[in-house]
Amino acid sequence: MASSSDTGPIKATPPMWRCSRIMHRLRELHPTLLSALEAIVDQLVWFRENWVEDILRQLQQALSKCYTIAFERRDEVGDAEVPDDMQAILRKIVSCFEMGFESSSSISATLSSVASETFARRAQATLQDPIFQQLKQQFSSDFDFSSSPSTLHQLIDKLKKWIAILQERVAAQPKSFARIRKCDEVHNYWCTFLVVV
């Protein structure tokens, strides 16, 4: 059986052809407008959550799952050990934390050269930051289940601790200023839009 990578080019459906014709027509009629829209779309990647926000979201989901498990085992919750599937989830989160910027750096190849240079400098600064290195080491050791098994209560306490730490880091990060600086096309569009309205 052939895999999807063995197949040839994608066959264009009628809606794809229609969309392609519309885009070519728009490019002929309004090249400046279409270029501005493409620049805005290219900068929308900056509006996604960064790796800290992603890990924070994953930890909050893990805490929610722990609460569910604790509720299901409420009769024996004091002695409940962390289930294997929860340990697997936490190992994945630990690897995401350890890889933080390394995994994000592949995205920079798709960004414009100025944006990717800025991203690479910020990633390099974070990787060399001694506070980040200390957090990374502490995070890995807190969620290392190979040394000693952890109870569900201990895990819930660790998750709460790390959620608080990461929430502080997210709150300390500049939001609107950094977005305006990185997304000048979007900022210019909104300023123009506000003046017109």
Protein backbone atom coordinates (compact mmCIF):
# COMPACT_ATOMS: atom_id res chain seq x y z
CA MET A 1 0.00 0.00 0.00
CA ALA A 2 1.46 3.38 -0.99
CA SER A 3 1.86 6.02 1.63
CA SER A 4 0.74 9.60 1.18
CA SER A 5 4.36 10.71 0.62
CA ASP A 6 4.58 8.40 -2.43
CA THR A 7 1.73 10.16 -4.20
CA GLY A 8 2.30 12.87 -6.76
CA PRO A 9 1.21 16.47 -6.62
CA ILE A 10 -2.10 17.38 -5.03
CA LYS A 11 -4.96 17.37 -7.48
CA ALA A 12 -6.61 20.79 -7.52
CA THR A 13 -10.31 20.70 -6.74
CA PRO A 14 -12.76 23.15 -8.36
CA PRO A 15 -12.84 25.35 -5.21
CA MET A 16 -9.02 25.47 -5.26
CA TRP A 17 -9.05 26.55 -8.90
CA ARG A 18 -11.66 29.18 -8.15
CA CYS A 19 -9.62 30.51 -5.24
CA SER A 20 -6.49 30.56 -7.38
CA ARG A 21 -8.26 32.54 -10.12
CA ILE A 22 -9.58 35.02 -7.56
CA MET A 23 -6.09 35.49 -6.08
CA HIS A 24 -4.54 36.05 -9.54
CA ARG A 25 -7.26 38.56 -10.37
CA LEU A 26 -6.76 40.39 -7.07
CA ARG A 27 -3.00 40.46 -7.65
CA GLU A 28 -3.60 42.08 -11.05
CA LEU A 29 -6.12 44.64 -9.77
CA HIS A 30 -4.71 45.49 -6.32
CA PRO A 31 -1.05 44.46 -6.06
CA THR A 32 -0.24 46.88 -3.23
CA LEU A 33 -3.23 45.86 -1.13
CA LEU A 34 -2.50 42.17 -1.62
CA SER A 35 1.17 42.67 -0.67
CA ALA A 36 0.10 44.47 2.51
CA LEU A 37 -2.34 41.67 3.37
CA GLU A 38 0.33 39.03 2.79
CA ALA A 39 2.72 40.93 5.09
CA ILE A 40 0.03 41.05 7.78
CA VAL A 41 -0.61 37.31 7.45
CA ASP A 42 3.14 36.60 7.67
CA GLN A 43 3.29 38.52 10.94
CA LEU A 44 0.34 36.73 12.51
CA VAL A 45 2.72 33.96 13.59
CA TRP A 46 3.85 36.31 16.38
CA PHE A 47 0.40 36.10 17.95
CA ARG A 48 0.71 32.45 18.82
CA GLU A 49 1.62 31.45 22.34
CA ASN A 50 5.32 31.23 23.09
CA TRP A 51 6.92 28.17 24.64
CA VAL A 52 6.43 29.41 28.23
CA GLU A 53 2.70 29.95 27.64
CA ASP A 54 2.48 26.56 25.95
CA ILE A 55 4.11 24.77 28.90
CA LEU A 56 1.93 26.73 31.31
CA ARG A 57 -1.18 25.60 29.42
CA GLN A 58 0.03 21.99 29.45
CA LEU A 59 0.72 22.13 33.20
CA GLN A 60 -2.75 23.54 33.84
CA GLN A 61 -4.26 20.70 31.82
CA ALA A 62 -2.15 18.18 33.77
CA LEU A 63 -3.31 19.71 37.06
CA SER A 64 -6.91 19.44 35.91
CA LYS A 65 -6.35 15.77 35.04
CA CYS A 66 -4.77 15.20 38.48
CA TYR A 67 -7.81 16.73 40.16
CA THR A 68 -10.02 14.40 38.13
CA ILE A 69 -7.94 11.37 39.15
CA ALA A 70 -7.98 12.51 42.79
CA PHE A 71 -11.75 12.85 42.67
CA GLU A 72 -12.16 9.41 41.12
CA ARG A 73 -9.95 7.92 43.87
CA ARG A 74 -11.28 10.10 46.68
CA ASP A 75 -11.54 7.14 49.08
CA GLU A 76 -7.82 6.37 48.80
CA VAL A 77 -6.44 9.70 47.55
CA GLY A 78 -3.90 9.99 50.36
CA ASP A 79 -2.05 6.88 49.14
CA ALA A 80 -2.74 7.26 45.41
CA GLU A 81 0.35 7.07 43.23
CA VAL A 82 0.75 8.95 39.96
CA PRO A 83 -0.64 6.80 37.12
CA ASP A 84 1.66 5.77 34.29
CA ASP A 85 -0.25 7.77 31.68
CA MET A 86 0.14 10.93 33.80
CA GLN A 87 3.86 10.22 34.14
CA ALA A 88 4.10 9.93 30.35
CA ILE A 89 2.30 13.28 29.93
CA LEU A 90 4.68 14.91 32.40
CA ARG A 91 7.75 13.43 30.67
CA LYS A 92 6.50 15.03 27.46
CA ILE A 93 6.08 18.39 29.21
CA VAL A 94 9.59 18.10 30.68
CA SER A 95 11.04 17.44 27.23
CA CYS A 96 9.12 20.46 25.88
CA PHE A 97 10.58 22.61 28.65
CA GLU A 98 14.09 21.33 27.99
CA MET A 99 13.77 21.90 24.27
CA GLY A 100 11.88 25.23 24.60
CA PHE A 101 13.68 27.37 22.07
CA GLU A 102 15.39 24.60 20.12
CA SER A 103 12.04 23.29 18.90
CA SER A 104 10.80 26.81 18.22
CA SER A 105 13.86 27.70 16.17
CA SER A 106 12.62 25.58 13.26
CA ILE A 107 9.72 28.00 12.93
CA SER A 108 12.13 30.89 12.37
CA ALA A 109 13.02 29.51 8.94
CA THR A 110 9.55 30.45 7.73
CA LEU A 111 9.69 33.99 9.09
CA SER A 112 11.21 37.03 7.41
CA SER A 113 14.95 37.48 7.86
CA VAL A 114 14.62 40.38 10.33
CA ALA A 115 12.07 38.49 12.42
CA SER A 116 14.13 35.29 12.41
CA GLU A 117 17.28 37.18 13.41
CA THR A 118 15.40 38.78 16.31
CA PHE A 119 13.95 35.41 17.28
CA ALA A 120 17.37 33.74 17.11
CA ARG A 121 18.97 36.45 19.28
CA ARG A 122 16.18 36.14 21.86
CA ALA A 123 16.47 32.33 21.85
CA GLN A 124 20.23 32.50 22.26
CA ALA A 125 19.91 35.01 25.12
CA THR A 126 17.40 32.78 26.88
CA LEU A 127 19.53 29.67 26.47
CA GLN A 128 22.50 31.52 27.98
CA ASP A 129 20.41 32.99 30.80
CA PRO A 130 21.53 31.38 34.10
CA ILE A 131 18.04 31.81 35.58
CA PHE A 132 16.54 29.86 32.66
CA GLN A 133 19.17 27.14 33.07
CA GLN A 134 18.39 26.91 36.78
CA LEU A 135 14.63 26.73 36.10
CA LYS A 136 15.18 24.06 33.46
CA GLN A 137 17.26 21.94 35.82
CA GLN A 138 14.81 22.38 38.73
CA PHE A 139 11.84 21.58 36.47
CA SER A 140 13.49 18.37 35.26
CA SER A 141 14.36 17.24 38.77
CA ASP A 142 10.90 18.08 40.17
CA PHE A 143 9.19 15.88 37.59
CA ASP A 144 11.71 13.02 37.56
CA PHE A 145 9.79 9.87 38.49
CA SER A 146 12.71 7.48 37.98
CA SER A 147 14.35 8.25 41.34
CA SER A 148 11.35 7.82 43.62
CA PRO A 149 7.63 7.36 43.01
CA SER A 150 5.54 10.40 43.80
CA THR A 151 2.08 10.49 45.30
CA LEU A 152 -0.76 12.31 43.64
CA HIS A 153 -0.77 14.97 46.38
CA GLN A 154 2.93 15.65 45.88
CA LEU A 155 2.42 15.94 42.14
CA ILE A 156 -0.49 18.36 42.56
CA ASP A 157 1.68 20.52 44.85
CA LYS A 158 4.54 20.52 42.31
CA LEU A 159 2.16 21.41 39.47
CA LYS A 160 0.72 24.31 41.48
CA LYS A 161 4.24 25.54 42.27
CA TRP A 162 5.33 25.48 38.63
CA ILE A 163 2.10 27.02 37.38
CA ALA A 164 2.71 29.94 39.76
CA ILE A 165 6.34 30.30 38.61
CA LEU A 166 5.43 30.27 34.92
CA GLN A 167 2.49 32.62 35.44
CA GLU A 168 4.94 35.12 36.96
CA ARG A 169 7.22 34.77 33.93
CA VAL A 170 4.32 35.21 31.50
CA ALA A 171 3.06 38.25 33.41
CA ALA A 172 6.55 39.78 33.35
CA GLN A 173 6.84 39.46 29.57
CA PRO A 174 5.97 42.57 27.58
CA LYS A 175 2.84 42.03 25.51
CA SER A 176 1.58 44.92 23.42
CA PHE A 177 4.90 46.73 23.03
CA ALA A 178 6.66 43.63 21.74
CA ARG A 179 3.79 42.83 19.39
CA ILE A 180 3.79 46.38 17.98
CA ARG A 181 7.54 46.27 17.50
CA LYS A 182 7.44 42.86 15.79
CA CYS A 183 4.26 43.37 13.79
CA ASP A 184 4.63 46.80 12.26
CA GLU A 185 2.30 45.98 9.34
CA VAL A 186 -0.51 44.95 11.68
CA HIS A 187 0.12 47.99 13.89
CA ASN A 188 0.11 50.36 10.91
CA TYR A 189 -3.10 48.80 9.63
CA TRP A 190 -4.85 49.26 12.97
CA CYS A 191 -3.64 52.85 13.30
CA THR A 192 -4.94 53.62 9.80
CA PHE A 193 -8.19 51.82 10.52
CA LEU A 194 -8.72 53.78 13.75
CA VAL A 195 -8.08 57.08 11.97
CA VAL A 196 -10.60 56.23 9.23
CA VAL A 197 -13.27 55.13 11.70
